[in-house]
Amino acid sequence: MVTLLLEILKYTLPSLIVFATSYYILKQYIDSQYNMKAMELKSRYRKDAIPLKLAAYERLLLLCDRIHLPNLILRLKVKDMSAADLKTAMIISIQQEYEHNLAQQLYTSQQLWDIITLTKNDLMSIVNNAAEKLGSNLSADELAHAVISEYAAMEKNPINFSITAIKEEAKIILNV
C-alpha cells in the first residue's frame, strides 16, 4: 500500500509542480499583456484628450474676450438706448456666454472653472453696481462710462486673472 502511494506521488507530484509553474508563468504573462493594453489605451486617450482640452481653453479665452466689459459695451450699445436696457442686455449677454460654455468645465480643473465663474459674477456685479450708483432714467452712454470707470478702477482685473489661469493650465497640458 505504501509503495502504491509512493508510486502515485512519484507521478503526480512532478505533474503538480509543472502545472503550478506553468500556471504562474501564464498568469504573469496574461497580467503583463493586460497592463500593456491598459497603458496603450491610456496613452491613446491622452493623445485624443489633448486636442479637446486645448479646444476648451480656446473657447474659454473667447468667452473672456466676449464678456470683457469694453467689448461687451461696444457690441451691445445702440443709439438712443436707455441705461436700464444696456444693463439688462449686458447681464443677459454675460450669463448667456457663460451658459454657452458650461460644457468646457469637463476639460478643465475645478479651480480654473471656479475662476471663470467668479469672473462672470464679478463682471455682473460691476454692471449692477454702476447701474445702482447712477439711478434710473439715464442714457446708455452714461452707464457705459460708469461701468468702464468702475472696471478700470479695479485693483485686480478679473478678465486678466482668468486669462492668466487659462494659459497656465494650458501650459501644464502642453508641458511647456
C-alpha atoms as a PDB file:
ATOM      1  CA  MET A   1       0.000   0.000   0.000  1.00  0.00           C
ATOM      2  CA  VAL A   2       2.811   2.406   0.880  1.00  0.00           C
ATOM      3  CA  THR A   3       4.586   1.539  -2.341  1.00  0.00           C
ATOM      4  CA  LEU A   4       1.401   2.248  -4.300  1.00  0.00           C
ATOM      5  CA  LEU A   5       1.095   5.614  -2.592  1.00  0.00           C
ATOM      6  CA  LEU A   6       4.764   6.382  -3.312  1.00  0.00           C
ATOM      7  CA  GLU A   7       4.287   5.293  -6.901  1.00  0.00           C
ATOM      8  CA  ILE A   8       1.267   7.654  -7.286  1.00  0.00           C
ATOM      9  CA  LEU A   9       3.183  10.524  -5.658  1.00  0.00           C
ATOM     10  CA  LYS A  10       6.143   9.826  -7.944  1.00  0.00           C
ATOM     11  CA  TYR A  11       3.977  10.688 -10.954  1.00  0.00           C
ATOM     12  CA  THR A  12       1.553  13.261  -9.527  1.00  0.00           C
ATOM     13  CA  LEU A  13       3.987  15.434  -7.574  1.00  0.00           C
ATOM     14  CA  PRO A  14       6.110  16.372 -10.624  1.00  0.00           C
ATOM     15  CA  SER A  15       2.888  16.924 -12.582  1.00  0.00           C
ATOM     16  CA  LEU A  16       1.579  19.280  -9.893  1.00  0.00           C
ATOM     17  CA  ILE A  17       4.889  21.175  -9.828  1.00  0.00           C
ATOM     18  CA  VAL A  18       4.850  21.544 -13.637  1.00  0.00           C
ATOM     19  CA  PHE A  19       1.196  22.640 -13.503  1.00  0.00           C
ATOM     20  CA  ALA A  20       1.837  25.234 -10.750  1.00  0.00           C
ATOM     21  CA  THR A  21       4.888  26.598 -12.580  1.00  0.00           C
ATOM     22  CA  SER A  22       3.002  26.775 -15.884  1.00  0.00           C
ATOM     23  CA  TYR A  23       0.040  28.442 -14.195  1.00  0.00           C
ATOM     24  CA  TYR A  24       2.291  31.029 -12.524  1.00  0.00           C
ATOM     25  CA  ILE A  25       4.159  31.846 -15.753  1.00  0.00           C
ATOM     26  CA  LEU A  26       0.950  32.027 -17.782  1.00  0.00           C
ATOM     27  CA  LYS A  27      -0.702  34.268 -15.162  1.00  0.00           C
ATOM     28  CA  GLN A  28       2.320  36.609 -15.183  1.00  0.00           C
ATOM     29  CA  TYR A  29       2.197  36.762 -18.977  1.00  0.00           C
ATOM     30  CA  ILE A  30      -1.549  37.488 -19.096  1.00  0.00           C
ATOM     31  CA  ASP A  31      -1.220  40.156 -16.390  1.00  0.00           C
ATOM     32  CA  SER A  32       1.631  41.858 -18.263  1.00  0.00           C
ATOM     33  CA  GLN A  33      -0.371  41.776 -21.521  1.00  0.00           C
ATOM     34  CA  TYR A  34      -3.359  43.289 -19.710  1.00  0.00           C
ATOM     35  CA  ASN A  35      -1.185  46.050 -18.223  1.00  0.00           C
ATOM     36  CA  MET A  36       0.362  46.807 -21.619  1.00  0.00           C
ATOM     37  CA  LYS A  37      -3.095  47.099 -23.216  1.00  0.00           C
ATOM     38  CA  ALA A  38      -4.292  49.323 -20.380  1.00  0.00           C
ATOM     39  CA  MET A  39      -1.258  51.594 -20.791  1.00  0.00           C
ATOM     40  CA  GLU A  40      -1.829  51.684 -24.548  1.00  0.00           C
ATOM     41  CA  LEU A  41      -5.459  52.714 -24.047  1.00  0.00           C
ATOM     42  CA  LYS A  42      -4.458  55.411 -21.548  1.00  0.00           C
ATOM     43  CA  SER A  43      -1.859  56.714 -23.967  1.00  0.00           C
ATOM     44  CA  ARG A  44      -4.381  56.791 -26.798  1.00  0.00           C
ATOM     45  CA  TYR A  45      -6.911  58.545 -24.526  1.00  0.00           C
ATOM     46  CA  ARG A  46      -4.372  61.172 -23.526  1.00  0.00           C
ATOM     47  CA  LYS A  47      -3.430  61.719 -27.145  1.00  0.00           C
ATOM     48  CA  ASP A  48      -7.112  62.172 -28.062  1.00  0.00           C
ATOM     49  CA  ALA A  49      -7.910  64.269 -24.974  1.00  0.00           C
ATOM     50  CA  ILE A  50      -5.206  66.902 -25.500  1.00  0.00           C
ATOM     51  CA  PRO A  51      -6.869  68.466 -28.575  1.00  0.00           C
ATOM     52  CA  LEU A  52     -10.210  68.513 -26.738  1.00  0.00           C
ATOM     53  CA  LYS A  53      -8.666  70.220 -23.719  1.00  0.00           C
ATOM     54  CA  LEU A  54      -6.885  72.769 -25.898  1.00  0.00           C
ATOM     55  CA  ALA A  55     -10.142  73.493 -27.727  1.00  0.00           C
ATOM     56  CA  ALA A  56     -11.813  74.056 -24.342  1.00  0.00           C
ATOM     57  CA  TYR A  57      -9.091  76.520 -23.328  1.00  0.00           C
ATOM     58  CA  GLU A  58      -9.547  78.329 -26.651  1.00  0.00           C
ATOM     59  CA  ARG A  59     -13.293  78.552 -26.018  1.00  0.00           C
ATOM     60  CA  LEU A  60     -12.686  79.916 -22.524  1.00  0.00           C
ATOM     61  CA  LEU A  61     -10.312  82.559 -23.891  1.00  0.00           C
ATOM     62  CA  LEU A  62     -13.012  83.506 -26.380  1.00  0.00           C
ATOM     63  CA  LEU A  63     -15.526  83.648 -23.506  1.00  0.00           C
ATOM     64  CA  CYS A  64     -13.234  86.066 -21.666  1.00  0.00           C
ATOM     65  CA  ASP A  65     -12.990  88.255 -24.746  1.00  0.00           C
ATOM     66  CA  ARG A  66     -16.743  88.235 -25.292  1.00  0.00           C
ATOM     67  CA  ILE A  67     -17.602  89.164 -21.689  1.00  0.00           C
ATOM     68  CA  HIS A  68     -14.816  91.744 -21.369  1.00  0.00           C
ATOM     69  CA  LEU A  69     -16.854  94.806 -20.435  1.00  0.00           C
ATOM     70  CA  PRO A  70     -15.454  97.278 -23.005  1.00  0.00           C
ATOM     71  CA  ASN A  71     -16.045  94.724 -25.788  1.00  0.00           C
ATOM     72  CA  LEU A  72     -19.492  93.959 -24.438  1.00  0.00           C
ATOM     73  CA  ILE A  73     -20.459  97.623 -24.406  1.00  0.00           C
ATOM     74  CA  LEU A  74     -19.247  98.124 -27.971  1.00  0.00           C
ATOM     75  CA  ARG A  75     -21.200  95.109 -29.137  1.00  0.00           C
ATOM     76  CA  LEU A  76     -24.471  95.827 -27.302  1.00  0.00           C
ATOM     77  CA  LYS A  77     -24.888  99.585 -27.016  1.00  0.00           C
ATOM     78  CA  VAL A  78     -27.034 101.155 -29.708  1.00  0.00           C
ATOM     79  CA  LYS A  79     -28.122 104.735 -30.307  1.00  0.00           C
ATOM     80  CA  ASP A  80     -30.880 106.053 -28.020  1.00  0.00           C
ATOM     81  CA  MET A  81     -30.633 103.059 -25.671  1.00  0.00           C
ATOM     82  CA  SER A  82     -31.526 103.579 -22.036  1.00  0.00           C
ATOM     83  CA  ALA A  83     -29.196 102.677 -19.200  1.00  0.00           C
ATOM     84  CA  ALA A  84     -31.682 100.063 -17.972  1.00  0.00           C
ATOM     85  CA  ASP A  85     -31.791  98.424 -21.387  1.00  0.00           C
ATOM     86  CA  LEU A  86     -27.984  98.358 -21.634  1.00  0.00           C
ATOM     87  CA  LYS A  87     -27.679  96.943 -18.132  1.00  0.00           C
ATOM     88  CA  THR A  88     -30.173  94.185 -18.919  1.00  0.00           C
ATOM     89  CA  ALA A  89     -28.520  93.410 -22.247  1.00  0.00           C
ATOM     90  CA  MET A  90     -25.079  93.203 -20.606  1.00  0.00           C
ATOM     91  CA  ILE A  91     -26.237  90.948 -17.762  1.00  0.00           C
ATOM     92  CA  ILE A  92     -28.092  88.652 -20.161  1.00  0.00           C
ATOM     93  CA  SER A  93     -25.152  88.522 -22.558  1.00  0.00           C
ATOM     94  CA  ILE A  94     -22.646  87.662 -19.808  1.00  0.00           C
ATOM     95  CA  GLN A  95     -24.948  84.934 -18.478  1.00  0.00           C
ATOM     96  CA  GLN A  96     -25.630  83.501 -21.937  1.00  0.00           C
ATOM     97  CA  GLU A  97     -21.946  83.423 -22.857  1.00  0.00           C
ATOM     98  CA  TYR A  98     -21.198  81.625 -19.600  1.00  0.00           C
ATOM     99  CA  GLU A  99     -24.006  79.117 -20.117  1.00  0.00           C
ATOM    100  CA  HIS A 100     -22.918  78.539 -23.710  1.00  0.00           C
ATOM    101  CA  ASN A 101     -19.516  77.426 -22.381  1.00  0.00           C
ATOM    102  CA  LEU A 102     -20.679  75.317 -19.424  1.00  0.00           C
ATOM    103  CA  ALA A 103     -19.552  72.087 -21.094  1.00  0.00           C
ATOM    104  CA  GLN A 104     -15.952  73.329 -21.147  1.00  0.00           C
ATOM    105  CA  GLN A 105     -15.688  72.596 -17.426  1.00  0.00           C
ATOM    106  CA  LEU A 106     -15.467  68.922 -18.381  1.00  0.00           C
ATOM    107  CA  TYR A 107     -11.972  69.594 -19.758  1.00  0.00           C
ATOM    108  CA  THR A 108     -10.675  71.995 -17.104  1.00  0.00           C
ATOM    109  CA  SER A 109      -9.680  71.726 -13.498  1.00  0.00           C
ATOM    110  CA  GLN A 110     -12.247  72.642 -10.869  1.00  0.00           C
ATOM    111  CA  GLN A 111     -10.022  75.516  -9.772  1.00  0.00           C
ATOM    112  CA  LEU A 112      -9.977  77.036 -13.264  1.00  0.00           C
ATOM    113  CA  TRP A 113     -13.729  76.658 -13.623  1.00  0.00           C
ATOM    114  CA  ASP A 114     -14.213  78.378 -10.264  1.00  0.00           C
ATOM    115  CA  ILE A 115     -12.067  81.279 -11.512  1.00  0.00           C
ATOM    116  CA  ILE A 116     -14.202  81.552 -14.671  1.00  0.00           C
ATOM    117  CA  THR A 117     -17.375  81.542 -12.566  1.00  0.00           C
ATOM    118  CA  LEU A 118     -16.002  84.208 -10.226  1.00  0.00           C
ATOM    119  CA  THR A 119     -15.037  86.345 -13.209  1.00  0.00           C
ATOM    120  CA  LYS A 120     -18.566  86.125 -14.579  1.00  0.00           C
ATOM    121  CA  ASN A 121     -20.005  87.052 -11.186  1.00  0.00           C
ATOM    122  CA  ASP A 122     -17.551  89.945 -10.748  1.00  0.00           C
ATOM    123  CA  LEU A 123     -18.435  91.408 -14.140  1.00  0.00           C
ATOM    124  CA  MET A 124     -22.163  91.141 -13.478  1.00  0.00           C
ATOM    125  CA  SER A 125     -21.594  92.793 -10.110  1.00  0.00           C
ATOM    126  CA  ILE A 126     -19.699  95.685 -11.725  1.00  0.00           C
ATOM    127  CA  VAL A 127     -22.579  96.293 -14.135  1.00  0.00           C
ATOM    128  CA  ASN A 128     -25.170  96.120 -11.362  1.00  0.00           C
ATOM    129  CA  ASN A 129     -23.167  98.398  -9.031  1.00  0.00           C
ATOM    130  CA  ALA A 130     -22.606 101.012 -11.725  1.00  0.00           C
ATOM    131  CA  ALA A 131     -26.315 100.980 -12.596  1.00  0.00           C
ATOM    132  CA  GLU A 132     -27.332 101.302  -8.936  1.00  0.00           C
ATOM    133  CA  LYS A 133     -24.971 104.244  -8.356  1.00  0.00           C
ATOM    134  CA  LEU A 134     -26.356 106.133 -11.346  1.00  0.00           C
ATOM    135  CA  GLY A 135     -30.022 105.563 -10.689  1.00  0.00           C
ATOM    136  CA  SER A 136     -32.702 105.431 -13.360  1.00  0.00           C
ATOM    137  CA  ASN A 137     -33.602 107.494 -16.434  1.00  0.00           C
ATOM    138  CA  LEU A 138     -30.046 107.808 -17.696  1.00  0.00           C
ATOM    139  CA  SER A 139     -28.660 107.108 -21.111  1.00  0.00           C
ATOM    140  CA  ALA A 140     -26.698 104.017 -22.080  1.00  0.00           C
ATOM    141  CA  ASP A 141     -23.667 106.248 -22.685  1.00  0.00           C
ATOM    142  CA  GLU A 142     -23.650 107.348 -19.042  1.00  0.00           C
ATOM    143  CA  LEU A 143     -23.940 103.759 -17.832  1.00  0.00           C
ATOM    144  CA  ALA A 144     -21.203 102.666 -20.241  1.00  0.00           C
ATOM    145  CA  HIS A 145     -18.919 105.376 -18.897  1.00  0.00           C
ATOM    146  CA  ALA A 146     -19.686 104.397 -15.290  1.00  0.00           C
ATOM    147  CA  VAL A 147     -19.097 100.696 -15.984  1.00  0.00           C
ATOM    148  CA  ILE A 148     -15.779 101.369 -17.725  1.00  0.00           C
ATOM    149  CA  SER A 149     -14.693 103.686 -14.892  1.00  0.00           C
ATOM    150  CA  GLU A 150     -15.552 101.133 -12.211  1.00  0.00           C
ATOM    151  CA  TYR A 151     -13.895  98.364 -14.221  1.00  0.00           C
ATOM    152  CA  ALA A 152     -10.726 100.405 -14.743  1.00  0.00           C
ATOM    153  CA  ALA A 153     -10.570 101.274 -11.036  1.00  0.00           C
ATOM    154  CA  MET A 154     -10.429  97.606 -10.022  1.00  0.00           C
ATOM    155  CA  GLU A 155      -7.170  96.602  -8.407  1.00  0.00           C
ATOM    156  CA  LYS A 156      -7.263  93.096  -9.890  1.00  0.00           C
ATOM    157  CA  ASN A 157      -8.822  92.764 -13.324  1.00  0.00           C
ATOM    158  CA  PRO A 158     -10.958  89.585 -13.330  1.00  0.00           C
ATOM    159  CA  ILE A 159     -10.590  89.026 -17.075  1.00  0.00           C
ATOM    160  CA  ASN A 160      -6.790  89.227 -16.937  1.00  0.00           C
ATOM    161  CA  PHE A 161      -6.785  86.889 -13.949  1.00  0.00           C
ATOM    162  CA  SER A 162      -8.922  84.351 -15.849  1.00  0.00           C
ATOM    163  CA  ILE A 163      -6.801  84.585 -18.984  1.00  0.00           C
ATOM    164  CA  THR A 164      -3.637  84.017 -16.951  1.00  0.00           C
ATOM    165  CA  ALA A 165      -5.214  80.985 -15.230  1.00  0.00           C
ATOM    166  CA  ILE A 166      -6.305  79.515 -18.584  1.00  0.00           C
ATOM    167  CA  LYS A 167      -2.829  79.965 -20.052  1.00  0.00           C
ATOM    168  CA  GLU A 168      -1.167  78.412 -17.011  1.00  0.00           C
ATOM    169  CA  GLU A 169      -3.372  75.346 -17.152  1.00  0.00           C
ATOM    170  CA  ALA A 170      -2.815  75.003 -20.902  1.00  0.00           C
ATOM    171  CA  LYS A 171       0.949  75.135 -20.300  1.00  0.00           C
ATOM    172  CA  ILE A 172       0.621  72.187 -17.937  1.00  0.00           C
ATOM    173  CA  ILE A 173      -1.171  70.178 -20.629  1.00  0.00           C
ATOM    174  CA  LEU A 174       1.417  71.106 -23.245  1.00  0.00           C
ATOM    175  CA  ASN A 175       4.334  70.525 -20.855  1.00  0.00           C
ATOM    176  CA  VAL A 176       5.776  73.941 -21.718  1.00  0.00           C
END
